[in-house]
Amino acid sequence: MELTIDVAVLLAVVVFLRARRKPLARTRSDAWLTVWLALALGVLIAPTPFGRWIFDVLGQLAQGVAQLDSP
């Protein structure tokens, strides 16, 4: 039996576990590592259908907020 792990899923788990830690216990380099991992996760998710869906939802949300702000 062969087990395959999607890199994006594995990275999502790592980012989730790192984000749950207490922020006061983090060093600056530890915080930057989390930022870079989250950025890499975004790059891996972006070209997928799920990434496009997130982009569309955020775009609609931004349009709704912009319409609320205009007179």
N, C-alpha and C. Protein backbone atom coordinates (compact mmCIF):
# COMPACT_ATOMS: atom_id res chain seq x y z
N MET A 1 0.85 -1.18 0.00
CA MET A 1 0.00 0.00 0.00
C MET A 1 0.89 1.24 0.00
N GLU A 2 0.52 2.20 -0.83
CA GLU A 2 1.30 3.43 -0.94
C GLU A 2 0.51 4.58 -0.31
N LEU A 3 1.17 5.35 0.52
CA LEU A 3 0.53 6.49 1.19
C LEU A 3 1.09 7.77 0.59
N THR A 4 0.20 8.61 0.12
CA THR A 4 0.63 9.91 -0.41
C THR A 4 0.06 11.01 0.47
N ILE A 5 0.85 12.04 0.67
CA ILE A 5 0.43 13.19 1.48
C ILE A 5 0.54 14.43 0.61
N ASP A 6 -0.53 15.16 0.52
CA ASP A 6 -0.51 16.41 -0.22
C ASP A 6 0.30 17.43 0.58
N VAL A 7 1.22 18.09 -0.08
CA VAL A 7 2.10 19.04 0.60
C VAL A 7 1.29 20.20 1.20
N ALA A 8 0.26 20.64 0.49
CA ALA A 8 -0.55 21.75 0.99
C ALA A 8 -1.28 21.35 2.27
N VAL A 9 -1.78 20.12 2.33
CA VAL A 9 -2.48 19.66 3.53
C VAL A 9 -1.50 19.55 4.69
N LEU A 10 -0.33 19.00 4.44
CA LEU A 10 0.68 18.88 5.49
C LEU A 10 1.10 20.26 5.99
N LEU A 11 1.30 21.19 5.09
CA LEU A 11 1.69 22.54 5.48
C LEU A 11 0.56 23.24 6.24
N ALA A 12 -0.69 22.99 5.86
CA ALA A 12 -1.83 23.56 6.58
C ALA A 12 -1.87 23.06 8.02
N VAL A 13 -1.58 21.79 8.22
CA VAL A 13 -1.54 21.24 9.57
C VAL A 13 -0.43 21.89 10.39
N VAL A 14 0.74 22.06 9.79
CA VAL A 14 1.87 22.68 10.48
C VAL A 14 1.54 24.12 10.86
N VAL A 15 0.96 24.88 9.93
CA VAL A 15 0.61 26.28 10.21
C VAL A 15 -0.45 26.34 11.30
N PHE A 16 -1.43 25.45 11.26
CA PHE A 16 -2.48 25.43 12.28
C PHE A 16 -1.89 25.14 13.66
N LEU A 17 -1.01 24.17 13.73
CA LEU A 17 -0.41 23.83 15.03
C LEU A 17 0.48 24.96 15.55
N ARG A 18 1.20 25.63 14.66
CA ARG A 18 2.05 26.73 15.08
C ARG A 18 1.21 27.94 15.50
N ALA A 19 0.07 28.16 14.85
CA ALA A 19 -0.77 29.31 15.17
C ALA A 19 -1.48 29.14 16.51
N ARG A 20 -1.64 27.92 16.96
CA ARG A 20 -2.31 27.67 18.24
C ARG A 20 -1.42 27.95 19.43
N ARG A 21 -0.11 28.07 19.22
CA ARG A 21 0.80 28.33 20.33
C ARG A 21 0.59 29.72 20.88
N LYS A 22 0.98 29.91 22.12
CA LYS A 22 0.84 31.23 22.75
C LYS A 22 1.78 32.23 22.08
N PRO A 23 1.29 33.41 21.70
CA PRO A 23 2.14 34.38 21.00
C PRO A 23 3.24 34.96 21.88
N LEU A 24 3.06 34.96 23.19
CA LEU A 24 4.08 35.54 24.06
C LEU A 24 5.33 34.68 24.14
N ALA A 25 5.20 33.41 23.83
CA ALA A 25 6.34 32.50 23.93
C ALA A 25 7.16 32.46 22.64
N ARG A 26 6.77 33.24 21.65
CA ARG A 26 7.45 33.19 20.36
C ARG A 26 8.61 34.18 20.28
N THR A 27 9.64 33.76 19.59
CA THR A 27 10.72 34.68 19.28
C THR A 27 10.40 35.33 17.94
N ARG A 28 11.16 36.33 17.58
CA ARG A 28 10.93 37.00 16.30
C ARG A 28 11.16 36.05 15.14
N SER A 29 12.19 35.22 15.21
CA SER A 29 12.45 34.28 14.13
C SER A 29 11.36 33.21 14.05
N ASP A 30 10.81 32.84 15.19
CA ASP A 30 9.72 31.86 15.21
C ASP A 30 8.47 32.45 14.54
N ALA A 31 8.19 33.71 14.79
CA ALA A 31 7.04 34.36 14.17
C ALA A 31 7.24 34.48 12.67
N TRP A 32 8.46 34.81 12.24
CA TRP A 32 8.73 34.93 10.80
C TRP A 32 8.62 33.57 10.12
N LEU A 33 9.03 32.52 10.79
CA LEU A 33 8.89 31.18 10.21
C LEU A 33 7.42 30.86 9.97
N THR A 34 6.57 31.22 10.90
CA THR A 34 5.13 31.00 10.73
C THR A 34 4.60 31.82 9.55
N VAL A 35 5.06 33.04 9.41
CA VAL A 35 4.63 33.88 8.29
C VAL A 35 5.04 33.25 6.97
N TRP A 36 6.28 32.79 6.87
CA TRP A 36 6.75 32.18 5.63
C TRP A 36 6.04 30.87 5.32
N LEU A 37 5.73 30.10 6.34
CA LEU A 37 4.96 28.87 6.12
C LEU A 37 3.55 29.17 5.63
N ALA A 38 2.93 30.19 6.20
CA ALA A 38 1.59 30.58 5.75
C ALA A 38 1.63 31.11 4.32
N LEU A 39 2.65 31.85 3.97
CA LEU A 39 2.81 32.35 2.61
C LEU A 39 2.99 31.19 1.63
N ALA A 40 3.81 30.22 1.99
CA ALA A 40 4.01 29.05 1.15
C ALA A 40 2.71 28.27 0.98
N LEU A 41 1.92 28.18 2.04
CA LEU A 41 0.63 27.51 1.97
C LEU A 41 -0.29 28.24 0.99
N GLY A 42 -0.29 29.55 1.05
CA GLY A 42 -1.10 30.34 0.12
C GLY A 42 -0.69 30.13 -1.32
N VAL A 43 0.61 30.04 -1.57
CA VAL A 43 1.10 29.81 -2.93
C VAL A 43 0.69 28.43 -3.43
N LEU A 44 0.68 27.45 -2.54
CA LEU A 44 0.28 26.10 -2.94
C LEU A 44 -1.22 25.98 -3.17
N ILE A 45 -2.01 26.73 -2.41
CA ILE A 45 -3.47 26.64 -2.53
C ILE A 45 -4.01 27.50 -3.66
N ALA A 46 -3.35 28.60 -3.99
CA ALA A 46 -3.87 29.59 -4.94
C ALA A 46 -4.30 29.01 -6.29
N PRO A 47 -3.52 28.15 -6.95
CA PRO A 47 -3.95 27.71 -8.28
C PRO A 47 -5.02 26.61 -8.27
N THR A 48 -5.45 26.16 -7.13
CA THR A 48 -6.44 25.10 -7.05
C THR A 48 -7.85 25.67 -7.13
N PRO A 49 -8.84 24.85 -7.42
CA PRO A 49 -10.23 25.34 -7.43
C PRO A 49 -10.65 25.91 -6.07
N PHE A 50 -10.17 25.31 -4.99
CA PHE A 50 -10.47 25.84 -3.65
C PHE A 50 -9.87 27.23 -3.48
N GLY A 51 -8.66 27.44 -3.97
CA GLY A 51 -8.03 28.76 -3.90
C GLY A 51 -8.78 29.80 -4.70
N ARG A 52 -9.27 29.41 -5.89
CA ARG A 52 -10.06 30.34 -6.70
C ARG A 52 -11.37 30.69 -6.00
N TRP A 53 -11.96 29.69 -5.32
CA TRP A 53 -13.21 29.94 -4.58
C TRP A 53 -12.97 30.94 -3.46
N ILE A 54 -11.87 30.77 -2.72
CA ILE A 54 -11.54 31.71 -1.65
C ILE A 54 -11.35 33.11 -2.22
N PHE A 55 -10.65 33.21 -3.36
CA PHE A 55 -10.42 34.50 -4.00
C PHE A 55 -11.74 35.15 -4.40
N ASP A 56 -12.67 34.38 -4.95
CA ASP A 56 -13.97 34.92 -5.35
C ASP A 56 -14.77 35.39 -4.13
N VAL A 57 -14.77 34.60 -3.06
CA VAL A 57 -15.52 34.97 -1.86
C VAL A 57 -14.95 36.25 -1.25
N LEU A 58 -13.62 36.34 -1.15
CA LEU A 58 -13.01 37.55 -0.60
C LEU A 58 -13.26 38.76 -1.49
N GLY A 59 -13.27 38.55 -2.81
CA GLY A 59 -13.58 39.65 -3.72
C GLY A 59 -15.00 40.15 -3.55
N GLN A 60 -15.95 39.24 -3.39
CA GLN A 60 -17.34 39.65 -3.17
C GLN A 60 -17.49 40.37 -1.83
N LEU A 61 -16.78 39.89 -0.83
CA LEU A 61 -16.82 40.53 0.49
C LEU A 61 -16.25 41.95 0.40
N ALA A 62 -15.15 42.11 -0.32
CA ALA A 62 -14.55 43.45 -0.48
C ALA A 62 -15.49 44.38 -1.24
N GLN A 63 -16.17 43.86 -2.25
CA GLN A 63 -17.12 44.69 -2.99
C GLN A 63 -18.28 45.13 -2.10
N GLY A 64 -18.76 44.21 -1.26
CA GLY A 64 -19.85 44.55 -0.34
C GLY A 64 -19.44 45.62 0.65
N VAL A 65 -18.23 45.51 1.18
CA VAL A 65 -17.74 46.52 2.11
C VAL A 65 -17.55 47.85 1.41
N ALA A 66 -17.05 47.83 0.19
CA ALA A 66 -16.84 49.07 -0.56
C ALA A 66 -18.18 49.75 -0.87
N GLN A 67 -19.20 48.96 -1.14
CA GLN A 67 -20.52 49.55 -1.42
C GLN A 67 -21.15 50.16 -0.16
N LEU A 68 -20.88 49.56 0.98
CA LEU A 68 -21.39 50.11 2.23
C LEU A 68 -20.72 51.44 2.58
N ASP A 69 -19.45 51.58 2.19
CA ASP A 69 -18.69 52.78 2.53
C ASP A 69 -19.04 53.95 1.61
N SER A 70 -19.46 53.66 0.37
CA SER A 70 -19.74 54.75 -0.58
C SER A 70 -21.08 55.42 -0.24
N PRO A 71 -21.16 56.75 -0.47
CA PRO A 71 -22.40 57.48 -0.11
C PRO A 71 -23.54 57.22 -1.05
